[in-house]
């Protein structure tokens, strides 16, 4: 992926009748392909999400060593793995992966997106998802799916705002600590090439 830069605006925006953040306070967000040197930051972001029991079914933290092959399972021309960088530091990431192994599902992918807990609610996940939606057709993708816990209301709202619809519900399929959790399947079709 060619790196894409965005300006991150502070919490004030013209939409709400407030003045934009001063230019010096705006941070440039760059989306690019992940490289092996990004793995420690990717794993740190992921493990912070593991601890919350809100966005992943992983129950134990992972190590860089255990995920060393993670990036090699992705390719920029089929199943990208992107990072969102601000001031040269990885603050979020998004991965495309095969939805199901059967050939008929080749055009459908599953998206995962995670953001550094100190940088949430700044539009990073939205920008990553918007880039994925825009790039999907050129990758031969006709449908995108997200698997989101029903109690992860922030992610469900974000995906809905970006045109994803509820395609299914798997009730009580995950046990997180002592709570049974529902899994919502959201999806959207991509524009044709």
N, C-alpha and C. Protein backbone atom coordinates (compact mmCIF):
# COMPACT_ATOMS: atom_id res chain seq x y z
N UNK A 1 0.85 -1.18 0.00
CA UNK A 1 0.00 0.00 0.00
C UNK A 1 0.89 1.23 0.00
N UNK A 2 0.56 2.16 -0.83
CA UNK A 2 1.21 3.47 -0.77
C UNK A 2 0.74 4.14 0.52
N UNK A 3 1.62 4.72 1.26
CA UNK A 3 1.23 5.36 2.51
C UNK A 3 0.23 6.47 2.23
N UNK A 4 -0.77 6.56 3.08
CA UNK A 4 -1.80 7.57 2.96
C UNK A 4 -1.75 8.42 4.22
N UNK A 5 -1.72 9.73 4.06
CA UNK A 5 -1.64 10.62 5.22
C UNK A 5 -2.98 11.31 5.44
N UNK A 6 -3.32 11.52 6.71
CA UNK A 6 -4.54 12.22 7.11
C UNK A 6 -4.13 13.23 8.17
N UNK A 7 -4.90 14.29 8.29
CA UNK A 7 -4.70 15.20 9.41
C UNK A 7 -5.67 14.81 10.50
N UNK A 8 -5.14 14.59 11.68
CA UNK A 8 -6.00 14.27 12.81
C UNK A 8 -6.38 15.59 13.48
N UNK A 9 -7.64 15.86 13.51
CA UNK A 9 -8.11 17.08 14.17
C UNK A 9 -8.37 16.77 15.62
N UNK A 10 -8.19 17.76 16.43
CA UNK A 10 -8.46 17.61 17.85
C UNK A 10 -9.94 17.41 18.07
N UNK A 11 -10.37 17.39 19.33
CA UNK A 11 -11.76 17.13 19.63
C UNK A 11 -12.71 18.22 19.15
N UNK A 12 -12.19 19.37 18.78
CA UNK A 12 -13.05 20.45 18.29
C UNK A 12 -13.13 20.37 16.77
N UNK A 13 -14.32 20.54 16.26
CA UNK A 13 -14.47 20.53 14.82
C UNK A 13 -15.52 21.54 14.40
N UNK A 14 -15.47 21.92 13.14
CA UNK A 14 -16.44 22.89 12.63
C UNK A 14 -17.85 22.34 12.64
N UNK A 15 -17.97 21.00 12.51
CA UNK A 15 -19.29 20.39 12.51
C UNK A 15 -20.10 20.75 13.73
N UNK A 16 -19.43 20.88 14.85
CA UNK A 16 -20.12 21.16 16.10
C UNK A 16 -20.13 22.65 16.44
N UNK A 17 -19.78 23.46 15.45
CA UNK A 17 -19.81 24.89 15.67
C UNK A 17 -18.62 25.41 16.46
N UNK A 18 -17.61 24.58 16.64
CA UNK A 18 -16.44 25.00 17.39
C UNK A 18 -15.30 25.26 16.42
N UNK A 19 -14.30 25.93 16.88
CA UNK A 19 -13.16 26.24 16.03
C UNK A 19 -12.28 25.00 15.90
N UNK A 20 -11.64 24.82 14.75
CA UNK A 20 -10.75 23.67 14.60
C UNK A 20 -9.53 23.84 15.50
N UNK A 21 -8.90 22.72 15.80
CA UNK A 21 -7.68 22.76 16.60
C UNK A 21 -6.62 23.54 15.85
N UNK A 22 -5.74 24.26 16.55
CA UNK A 22 -4.68 25.00 15.86
C UNK A 22 -3.84 24.05 15.02
N UNK A 23 -3.30 24.56 13.92
CA UNK A 23 -2.53 23.73 13.00
C UNK A 23 -1.42 22.99 13.72
N UNK A 24 -0.72 23.62 14.63
CA UNK A 24 0.37 22.97 15.34
C UNK A 24 -0.11 21.78 16.16
N UNK A 25 -1.37 21.79 16.59
CA UNK A 25 -1.90 20.71 17.42
C UNK A 25 -2.40 19.53 16.59
N UNK A 26 -2.53 19.70 15.30
CA UNK A 26 -3.00 18.60 14.45
C UNK A 26 -1.86 17.63 14.22
N UNK A 27 -2.18 16.37 14.25
CA UNK A 27 -1.18 15.34 14.04
C UNK A 27 -1.48 14.65 12.72
N UNK A 28 -0.42 14.32 11.99
CA UNK A 28 -0.61 13.61 10.74
C UNK A 28 -0.67 12.11 11.01
N UNK A 29 -1.70 11.49 10.48
CA UNK A 29 -1.88 10.05 10.60
C UNK A 29 -1.51 9.44 9.27
N UNK A 30 -0.64 8.46 9.29
CA UNK A 30 -0.21 7.79 8.06
C UNK A 30 -0.58 6.32 8.17
N UNK A 31 -1.22 5.81 7.12
CA UNK A 31 -1.57 4.39 7.04
C UNK A 31 -0.61 3.75 6.06
N UNK A 32 0.01 2.66 6.49
CA UNK A 32 0.99 1.98 5.64
C UNK A 32 0.98 0.49 5.96
N UNK A 33 1.63 -0.29 5.08
CA UNK A 33 1.77 -1.72 5.32
C UNK A 33 2.61 -1.93 6.58
N UNK A 34 2.22 -2.91 7.39
CA UNK A 34 2.98 -3.26 8.58
C UNK A 34 4.26 -3.98 8.17
N UNK A 35 5.29 -3.77 8.95
CA UNK A 35 6.57 -4.47 8.76
C UNK A 35 6.94 -5.14 10.08
N UNK A 36 7.89 -6.05 10.01
CA UNK A 36 8.25 -6.82 11.21
C UNK A 36 8.63 -5.93 12.39
N UNK A 37 9.27 -4.81 12.13
CA UNK A 37 9.66 -3.91 13.21
C UNK A 37 8.45 -3.33 13.96
N UNK A 38 7.26 -3.41 13.36
CA UNK A 38 6.03 -2.91 13.99
C UNK A 38 5.43 -3.91 14.98
N UNK A 39 5.89 -5.16 14.94
CA UNK A 39 5.26 -6.21 15.75
C UNK A 39 5.19 -5.88 17.25
N UNK A 40 6.23 -5.36 17.89
CA UNK A 40 6.07 -5.06 19.32
C UNK A 40 4.93 -4.08 19.60
N UNK A 41 4.78 -3.05 18.78
CA UNK A 41 3.69 -2.09 18.99
C UNK A 41 2.34 -2.73 18.69
N UNK A 42 2.27 -3.53 17.64
CA UNK A 42 1.02 -4.23 17.28
C UNK A 42 0.59 -5.14 18.44
N UNK A 43 1.54 -5.89 18.97
CA UNK A 43 1.25 -6.82 20.06
C UNK A 43 0.86 -6.06 21.33
N UNK A 44 1.51 -4.95 21.60
CA UNK A 44 1.16 -4.15 22.78
C UNK A 44 -0.28 -3.65 22.69
N UNK A 45 -0.67 -3.17 21.52
CA UNK A 45 -2.05 -2.70 21.31
C UNK A 45 -3.03 -3.86 21.47
N UNK A 46 -2.69 -5.00 20.87
CA UNK A 46 -3.57 -6.17 20.95
C UNK A 46 -3.71 -6.66 22.39
N UNK A 47 -2.60 -6.77 23.11
CA UNK A 47 -2.67 -7.26 24.49
C UNK A 47 -3.47 -6.33 25.40
N UNK A 48 -3.43 -5.03 25.14
CA UNK A 48 -4.26 -4.11 25.91
C UNK A 48 -5.74 -4.43 25.67
N UNK A 49 -6.08 -4.80 24.43
CA UNK A 49 -7.47 -5.17 24.12
C UNK A 49 -7.83 -6.51 24.76
N UNK A 50 -6.89 -7.45 24.80
CA UNK A 50 -7.13 -8.74 25.44
C UNK A 50 -7.58 -8.53 26.89
N UNK A 51 -6.91 -7.65 27.58
CA UNK A 51 -7.19 -7.42 29.00
C UNK A 51 -8.59 -6.86 29.26
N UNK A 52 -9.17 -6.16 28.28
CA UNK A 52 -10.48 -5.54 28.49
C UNK A 52 -11.64 -6.51 28.35
N UNK A 53 -11.44 -7.61 27.65
CA UNK A 53 -12.50 -8.60 27.39
C UNK A 53 -13.67 -8.00 26.59
N UNK A 54 -13.38 -6.99 25.78
CA UNK A 54 -14.42 -6.32 25.00
C UNK A 54 -14.29 -6.60 23.50
N UNK A 55 -13.07 -6.74 22.99
CA UNK A 55 -12.93 -6.77 21.53
C UNK A 55 -12.24 -7.99 20.96
N UNK A 56 -11.83 -8.94 21.78
CA UNK A 56 -11.22 -10.15 21.23
C UNK A 56 -11.56 -11.34 22.12
N UNK A 57 -11.61 -12.51 21.52
CA UNK A 57 -11.87 -13.74 22.27
C UNK A 57 -10.57 -14.33 22.82
N UNK A 58 -9.44 -13.73 22.49
CA UNK A 58 -8.16 -14.14 23.07
C UNK A 58 -8.21 -13.87 24.57
N UNK A 59 -7.88 -14.85 25.39
CA UNK A 59 -7.99 -14.69 26.84
C UNK A 59 -6.65 -14.44 27.51
N UNK A 60 -5.57 -14.82 26.86
CA UNK A 60 -4.23 -14.64 27.42
C UNK A 60 -3.42 -13.72 26.51
N UNK A 61 -2.56 -12.90 27.07
CA UNK A 61 -1.71 -12.05 26.24
C UNK A 61 -0.86 -12.91 25.29
N UNK A 62 -0.52 -12.33 24.15
CA UNK A 62 0.33 -13.02 23.19
C UNK A 62 1.71 -12.38 23.23
N UNK A 63 2.68 -13.10 22.69
CA UNK A 63 4.04 -12.57 22.64
C UNK A 63 4.41 -12.27 21.20
N UNK A 64 5.41 -11.44 21.04
CA UNK A 64 5.91 -11.15 19.70
C UNK A 64 6.37 -12.45 19.05
N UNK A 65 7.06 -13.28 19.81
CA UNK A 65 7.56 -14.55 19.25
C UNK A 65 6.42 -15.44 18.77
N UNK A 66 5.32 -15.50 19.53
CA UNK A 66 4.20 -16.36 19.14
C UNK A 66 3.48 -15.83 17.91
N UNK A 67 3.66 -14.55 17.60
CA UNK A 67 2.99 -13.94 16.45
C UNK A 67 3.97 -13.56 15.34
N UNK A 68 5.17 -14.09 15.39
CA UNK A 68 6.20 -13.76 14.41
C UNK A 68 5.72 -14.02 12.98
N UNK A 69 4.93 -15.08 12.76
CA UNK A 69 4.44 -15.42 11.41
C UNK A 69 3.19 -14.66 11.01
N UNK A 70 2.64 -13.89 11.91
CA UNK A 70 1.40 -13.17 11.68
C UNK A 70 1.48 -12.34 10.40
N UNK A 71 2.52 -11.55 10.27
CA UNK A 71 2.62 -10.67 9.09
C UNK A 71 2.84 -11.46 7.82
N UNK A 72 3.53 -12.60 7.90
CA UNK A 72 3.77 -13.37 6.68
C UNK A 72 2.49 -14.01 6.15
N UNK A 73 1.45 -14.07 6.96
CA UNK A 73 0.15 -14.60 6.52
C UNK A 73 -0.63 -13.56 5.71
N UNK A 74 -0.08 -12.36 5.62
CA UNK A 74 -0.74 -11.26 4.92
C UNK A 74 0.12 -10.82 3.74
N UNK A 75 -0.55 -10.25 2.74
CA UNK A 75 0.18 -9.68 1.61
C UNK A 75 -0.55 -8.42 1.17
N UNK A 76 0.21 -7.44 0.73
CA UNK A 76 -0.39 -6.15 0.39
C UNK A 76 -1.35 -6.25 -0.78
N UNK A 77 -1.22 -7.30 -1.61
CA UNK A 77 -2.09 -7.42 -2.77
C UNK A 77 -3.29 -8.35 -2.57
N UNK A 78 -3.41 -8.98 -1.39
CA UNK A 78 -4.57 -9.85 -1.16
C UNK A 78 -5.16 -9.68 0.25
N UNK A 79 -4.34 -9.86 1.27
CA UNK A 79 -4.79 -9.73 2.65
C UNK A 79 -3.87 -8.75 3.38
N UNK A 80 -4.05 -7.46 3.17
CA UNK A 80 -3.15 -6.48 3.79
C UNK A 80 -3.21 -6.47 5.31
N UNK A 81 -2.13 -6.02 5.89
CA UNK A 81 -2.03 -5.75 7.31
C UNK A 81 -1.45 -4.35 7.40
N UNK A 82 -2.25 -3.40 7.86
CA UNK A 82 -1.84 -2.00 7.89
C UNK A 82 -1.66 -1.50 9.30
N UNK A 83 -0.80 -0.53 9.45
CA UNK A 83 -0.68 0.19 10.71
C UNK A 83 -1.03 1.64 10.47
N UNK A 84 -1.53 2.28 11.52
CA UNK A 84 -1.79 3.73 11.52
C UNK A 84 -0.72 4.33 12.41
N UNK A 85 0.02 5.26 11.83
CA UNK A 85 1.16 5.85 12.51
C UNK A 85 0.90 7.33 12.77
N UNK A 86 1.23 7.78 13.96
CA UNK A 86 1.19 9.21 14.30
C UNK A 86 2.54 9.55 14.91
N UNK A 87 3.17 10.57 14.38
CA UNK A 87 4.50 10.97 14.86
C UNK A 87 5.48 9.81 14.88
N UNK A 88 5.41 8.96 13.86
CA UNK A 88 6.35 7.86 13.74
C UNK A 88 6.10 6.68 14.66
N UNK A 89 4.97 6.69 15.39
CA UNK A 89 4.64 5.58 16.29
C UNK A 89 3.34 4.91 15.87
N UNK A 90 3.31 3.60 15.95
CA UNK A 90 2.11 2.83 15.60
C UNK A 90 1.06 3.06 16.68
N UNK A 91 -0.10 3.56 16.25
CA UNK A 91 -1.19 3.85 17.19
C UNK A 91 -2.44 3.01 16.93
N UNK A 92 -2.43 2.25 15.85
CA UNK A 92 -3.55 1.37 15.53
C UNK A 92 -3.17 0.45 14.39
N UNK A 93 -4.00 -0.56 14.16
CA UNK A 93 -3.74 -1.46 13.05
C UNK A 93 -5.03 -2.11 12.56
N UNK A 94 -4.99 -2.56 11.33
CA UNK A 94 -6.12 -3.23 10.69
C UNK A 94 -5.59 -4.39 9.86
N UNK A 95 -6.26 -5.52 9.95
CA UNK A 95 -5.86 -6.66 9.12
C UNK A 95 -7.05 -7.20 8.34
N UNK A 96 -6.75 -7.66 7.15
CA UNK A 96 -7.68 -8.39 6.31
C UNK A 96 -7.31 -9.87 6.48
N UNK A 97 -8.30 -10.73 6.57
CA UNK A 97 -7.98 -12.16 6.55
C UNK A 97 -9.10 -12.92 5.88
N UNK A 98 -8.76 -14.11 5.45
CA UNK A 98 -9.73 -14.97 4.79
C UNK A 98 -10.92 -15.19 5.72
N UNK A 99 -12.12 -15.11 5.17
CA UNK A 99 -13.32 -15.32 5.98
C UNK A 99 -13.50 -16.81 6.29
N UNK A 100 -13.53 -17.63 5.26
CA UNK A 100 -13.62 -19.08 5.39
C UNK A 100 -12.75 -19.69 4.29
N UNK A 101 -12.25 -20.89 4.50
CA UNK A 101 -11.28 -21.45 3.54
C UNK A 101 -11.86 -21.94 2.21
N UNK A 102 -13.13 -22.16 2.10
CA UNK A 102 -13.68 -22.68 0.85
C UNK A 102 -13.56 -21.64 -0.27
N UNK A 103 -13.32 -22.12 -1.48
CA UNK A 103 -13.07 -21.25 -2.64
C UNK A 103 -14.20 -20.27 -2.91
N UNK A 104 -15.43 -20.67 -2.66
CA UNK A 104 -16.57 -19.80 -2.96
C UNK A 104 -16.56 -18.53 -2.11
N UNK A 105 -15.82 -18.54 -0.99
CA UNK A 105 -15.75 -17.38 -0.12
C UNK A 105 -14.54 -16.50 -0.41
N UNK A 106 -13.84 -16.76 -1.49
CA UNK A 106 -12.61 -16.05 -1.80
C UNK A 106 -12.78 -14.53 -1.82
N UNK A 107 -13.94 -14.05 -2.25
CA UNK A 107 -14.18 -12.61 -2.33
C UNK A 107 -14.67 -11.98 -1.04
N UNK A 108 -14.75 -12.77 0.02
CA UNK A 108 -15.20 -12.25 1.31
C UNK A 108 -14.03 -12.28 2.29
N UNK A 109 -13.84 -11.19 3.01
CA UNK A 109 -12.76 -11.13 4.00
C UNK A 109 -13.32 -10.71 5.35
N UNK A 110 -12.55 -11.02 6.39
CA UNK A 110 -12.87 -10.56 7.73
C UNK A 110 -11.89 -9.45 8.10
N UNK A 111 -12.41 -8.37 8.64
CA UNK A 111 -11.58 -7.25 9.08
C UNK A 111 -11.43 -7.28 10.59
N UNK A 112 -10.24 -6.93 11.06
CA UNK A 112 -9.99 -6.71 12.48
C UNK A 112 -9.30 -5.37 12.61
N UNK A 113 -9.71 -4.58 13.58
CA UNK A 113 -9.10 -3.27 13.77
C UNK A 113 -8.94 -3.01 15.27
N UNK A 114 -7.75 -2.53 15.64
CA UNK A 114 -7.42 -2.24 17.04
C UNK A 114 -6.69 -0.91 17.11
N UNK A 115 -6.93 -0.16 18.20
CA UNK A 115 -6.31 1.15 18.37
C UNK A 115 -5.72 1.22 19.78
N UNK A 116 -4.56 1.84 19.88
CA UNK A 116 -3.89 2.10 21.15
C UNK A 116 -4.90 2.74 22.10
N UNK A 117 -5.01 2.23 23.31
CA UNK A 117 -6.04 2.72 24.24
C UNK A 117 -5.92 4.21 24.54
N UNK A 118 -4.73 4.79 24.43
CA UNK A 118 -4.56 6.23 24.66
C UNK A 118 -4.94 7.07 23.45
N UNK A 119 -5.24 6.43 22.32
CA UNK A 119 -5.56 7.16 21.09
C UNK A 119 -6.94 6.81 20.55
N UNK A 120 -7.76 6.20 21.36
CA UNK A 120 -9.12 5.86 20.91
C UNK A 120 -9.97 7.12 20.83
N UNK A 121 -11.02 7.03 20.04
CA UNK A 121 -11.99 8.12 19.85
C UNK A 121 -11.36 9.33 19.17
N UNK A 122 -10.36 9.08 18.33
CA UNK A 122 -9.72 10.15 17.57
C UNK A 122 -9.85 9.91 16.08
N UNK A 123 -10.65 8.93 15.69
CA UNK A 123 -10.90 8.68 14.27
C UNK A 123 -9.92 7.73 13.61
N UNK A 124 -9.02 7.12 14.37
CA UNK A 124 -8.02 6.23 13.78
C UNK A 124 -8.67 4.98 13.20
N UNK A 125 -9.53 4.32 13.97
CA UNK A 125 -10.20 3.11 13.48
C UNK A 125 -11.07 3.45 12.27
N UNK A 126 -11.74 4.58 12.32
CA UNK A 126 -12.59 4.99 11.18
C UNK A 126 -11.74 5.17 9.93
N UNK A 127 -10.61 5.84 10.05
CA UNK A 127 -9.76 6.07 8.88
C UNK A 127 -9.20 4.75 8.33
N UNK A 128 -8.83 3.83 9.21
CA UNK A 128 -8.37 2.52 8.76
C UNK A 128 -9.47 1.78 8.02
N UNK A 129 -10.68 1.80 8.58
CA UNK A 129 -11.80 1.11 7.94
C UNK A 129 -12.18 1.77 6.62
N UNK A 130 -12.17 3.10 6.58
CA UNK A 130 -12.47 3.79 5.32
C UNK A 130 -11.45 3.42 4.24
N UNK A 131 -10.18 3.32 4.62
CA UNK A 131 -9.15 2.93 3.66
C UNK A 131 -9.39 1.50 3.18
N UNK A 132 -9.80 0.61 4.08
CA UNK A 132 -10.08 -0.78 3.70
C UNK A 132 -11.27 -0.85 2.74
N UNK A 133 -12.30 -0.08 3.03
CA UNK A 133 -13.50 -0.07 2.17
C UNK A 133 -13.12 0.45 0.78
N UNK A 134 -12.32 1.50 0.74
CA UNK A 134 -11.92 2.07 -0.55
C UNK A 134 -11.03 1.11 -1.33
N UNK A 135 -10.17 0.38 -0.64
CA UNK A 135 -9.22 -0.51 -1.32
C UNK A 135 -9.81 -1.86 -1.68
N UNK A 136 -10.89 -2.26 -1.01
CA UNK A 136 -11.47 -3.58 -1.20
C UNK A 136 -11.68 -4.02 -2.63
N UNK A 137 -12.36 -3.24 -3.46
CA UNK A 137 -12.62 -3.68 -4.82
C UNK A 137 -11.34 -3.97 -5.62
N UNK A 138 -10.28 -3.19 -5.42
CA UNK A 138 -9.05 -3.44 -6.18
C UNK A 138 -8.34 -4.71 -5.71
N UNK A 139 -8.73 -5.24 -4.54
CA UNK A 139 -8.17 -6.49 -4.05
C UNK A 139 -9.04 -7.69 -4.42
N UNK A 140 -10.10 -7.44 -5.18
CA UNK A 140 -11.01 -8.52 -5.56
C UNK A 140 -11.98 -8.89 -4.46
N UNK A 141 -12.21 -7.98 -3.53
CA UNK A 141 -13.10 -8.24 -2.40
C UNK A 141 -14.50 -7.73 -2.75
N UNK A 142 -15.49 -8.59 -2.55
CA UNK A 142 -16.86 -8.15 -2.79
C UNK A 142 -17.68 -8.04 -1.51
N UNK A 143 -17.16 -8.57 -0.40
CA UNK A 143 -17.86 -8.44 0.87
C UNK A 143 -16.86 -8.42 2.01
N UNK A 144 -17.17 -7.58 3.00
CA UNK A 144 -16.33 -7.46 4.20
C UNK A 144 -17.18 -7.81 5.40
N UNK A 145 -16.59 -8.55 6.32
CA UNK A 145 -17.30 -9.02 7.50
C UNK A 145 -16.50 -8.62 8.74
N UNK A 146 -17.21 -8.25 9.79
CA UNK A 146 -16.61 -8.02 11.09
C UNK A 146 -17.31 -8.89 12.11
N UNK A 147 -16.56 -9.48 13.01
CA UNK A 147 -17.11 -10.29 14.09
C UNK A 147 -16.90 -9.50 15.38
N UNK A 148 -17.99 -9.01 15.96
CA UNK A 148 -17.91 -8.06 17.06
C UNK A 148 -18.79 -8.55 18.21
N UNK A 149 -18.22 -8.55 19.42
CA UNK A 149 -19.04 -8.91 20.57
C UNK A 149 -20.18 -7.91 20.73
N UNK A 150 -21.35 -8.41 21.10
CA UNK A 150 -22.53 -7.55 21.24
C UNK A 150 -22.34 -6.48 22.30
N UNK A 151 -21.50 -6.72 23.31
CA UNK A 151 -21.27 -5.70 24.35
C UNK A 151 -20.23 -4.66 23.93
N UNK A 152 -19.66 -4.80 22.74
CA UNK A 152 -18.70 -3.82 22.21
C UNK A 152 -19.48 -2.78 21.40
N UNK A 153 -20.23 -1.97 22.11
CA UNK A 153 -21.15 -1.03 21.46
C UNK A 153 -20.42 0.02 20.62
N UNK A 154 -19.26 0.46 21.04
CA UNK A 154 -18.52 1.48 20.28
C UNK A 154 -18.14 0.94 18.90
N UNK A 155 -17.65 -0.29 18.84
CA UNK A 155 -17.29 -0.87 17.54
C UNK A 155 -18.52 -1.10 16.67
N UNK A 156 -19.59 -1.55 17.27
CA UNK A 156 -20.82 -1.76 16.49
C UNK A 156 -21.31 -0.44 15.89
N UNK A 157 -21.25 0.65 16.67
CA UNK A 157 -21.66 1.96 16.15
C UNK A 157 -20.76 2.40 15.01
N UNK A 158 -19.45 2.23 15.17
CA UNK A 158 -18.51 2.64 14.14
C UNK A 158 -18.77 1.89 12.84
N UNK A 159 -18.86 0.58 12.89
CA UNK A 159 -19.09 -0.21 11.68
C UNK A 159 -20.42 0.18 11.04
N UNK A 160 -21.45 0.40 11.85
CA UNK A 160 -22.75 0.81 11.32
C UNK A 160 -22.65 2.14 10.59
N UNK A 161 -21.94 3.10 11.17
CA UNK A 161 -21.75 4.41 10.52
C UNK A 161 -21.06 4.28 9.18
N UNK A 162 -20.27 3.25 9.01
CA UNK A 162 -19.53 3.06 7.76
C UNK A 162 -20.25 2.12 6.79
N UNK A 163 -21.51 1.90 7.02
CA UNK A 163 -22.32 1.15 6.06
C UNK A 163 -22.41 -0.35 6.29
N UNK A 164 -21.86 -0.84 7.38
CA UNK A 164 -21.99 -2.26 7.70
C UNK A 164 -23.37 -2.49 8.30
N UNK A 165 -23.95 -3.62 7.97
CA UNK A 165 -25.25 -4.00 8.51
C UNK A 165 -25.11 -5.25 9.36
N UNK A 166 -26.06 -5.46 10.23
CA UNK A 166 -26.05 -6.68 11.04
C UNK A 166 -26.48 -7.85 10.16
N UNK A 167 -25.59 -8.80 9.99
CA UNK A 167 -25.87 -9.96 9.14
C UNK A 167 -26.15 -11.21 9.96
N UNK A 168 -25.90 -11.16 11.25
CA UNK A 168 -26.15 -12.35 12.04
C UNK A 168 -25.83 -12.16 13.51
N UNK A 169 -26.31 -13.11 14.31
CA UNK A 169 -26.06 -13.12 15.74
C UNK A 169 -25.80 -14.55 16.16
N UNK A 170 -24.70 -14.74 16.86
CA UNK A 170 -24.38 -16.05 17.44
C UNK A 170 -24.49 -15.88 18.96
N UNK A 171 -25.63 -16.30 19.53
CA UNK A 171 -25.85 -16.04 20.96
C UNK A 171 -24.98 -16.91 21.88
N UNK A 172 -24.41 -16.26 22.90
CA UNK A 172 -23.67 -16.93 23.96
C UNK A 172 -22.61 -17.91 23.45
N UNK A 173 -21.87 -17.54 22.42
CA UNK A 173 -20.87 -18.44 21.86
C UNK A 173 -19.49 -18.28 22.49
N UNK A 174 -19.28 -17.21 23.25
CA UNK A 174 -17.98 -16.98 23.88
C UNK A 174 -18.15 -16.86 25.38
N UNK A 175 -17.19 -17.42 26.10
CA UNK A 175 -17.18 -17.28 27.55
C UNK A 175 -15.96 -16.45 27.91
N UNK A 176 -16.22 -15.23 28.41
CA UNK A 176 -15.17 -14.31 28.83
C UNK A 176 -15.29 -14.17 30.34
N UNK A 177 -14.28 -14.65 31.04
CA UNK A 177 -14.34 -14.79 32.49
C UNK A 177 -15.54 -15.68 32.78
N UNK A 178 -16.51 -15.22 33.52
CA UNK A 178 -17.67 -16.07 33.79
C UNK A 178 -18.92 -15.62 33.05
N UNK A 179 -18.75 -14.77 32.05
CA UNK A 179 -19.89 -14.24 31.30
C UNK A 179 -19.96 -14.86 29.91
N UNK A 180 -21.16 -15.30 29.53
CA UNK A 180 -21.38 -15.76 28.16
C UNK A 180 -21.66 -14.54 27.30
N UNK A 181 -21.03 -14.46 26.15
CA UNK A 181 -21.16 -13.28 25.30
C UNK A 181 -21.66 -13.66 23.91
N UNK A 182 -22.50 -12.75 23.36
CA UNK A 182 -23.02 -12.92 22.01
C UNK A 182 -22.02 -12.33 21.01
N UNK A 183 -21.99 -12.92 19.83
CA UNK A 183 -21.14 -12.42 18.75
C UNK A 183 -22.03 -11.93 17.62
N UNK A 184 -21.85 -10.67 17.24
CA UNK A 184 -22.61 -10.08 16.14
C UNK A 184 -21.77 -10.14 14.88
N UNK A 185 -22.37 -10.58 13.81
CA UNK A 185 -21.71 -10.57 12.50
C UNK A 185 -22.22 -9.36 11.74
N UNK A 186 -21.30 -8.46 11.40
CA UNK A 186 -21.67 -7.30 10.58
C UNK A 186 -20.98 -7.45 9.23
N UNK A 187 -21.61 -6.88 8.21
CA UNK A 187 -20.99 -6.98 6.89
C UNK A 187 -21.47 -5.89 5.97
N UNK A 188 -20.73 -5.74 4.91
CA UNK A 188 -21.12 -4.81 3.84
C UNK A 188 -20.52 -5.33 2.55
N UNK A 189 -21.25 -5.05 1.48
CA UNK A 189 -20.74 -5.38 0.15
C UNK A 189 -19.91 -4.22 -0.36
N UNK A 190 -18.90 -4.54 -1.12
CA UNK A 190 -18.03 -3.51 -1.69
C UNK A 190 -18.58 -3.06 -3.02
N UNK A 191 -18.23 -1.83 -3.36
CA UNK A 191 -18.59 -1.32 -4.68
C UNK A 191 -17.89 -2.18 -5.73
N UNK A 192 -18.51 -2.30 -6.87
CA UNK A 192 -17.86 -3.09 -7.92
C UNK A 192 -16.68 -2.31 -8.49
N UNK A 193 -15.74 -3.05 -9.03
CA UNK A 193 -14.53 -2.42 -9.57
C UNK A 193 -14.83 -1.55 -10.75
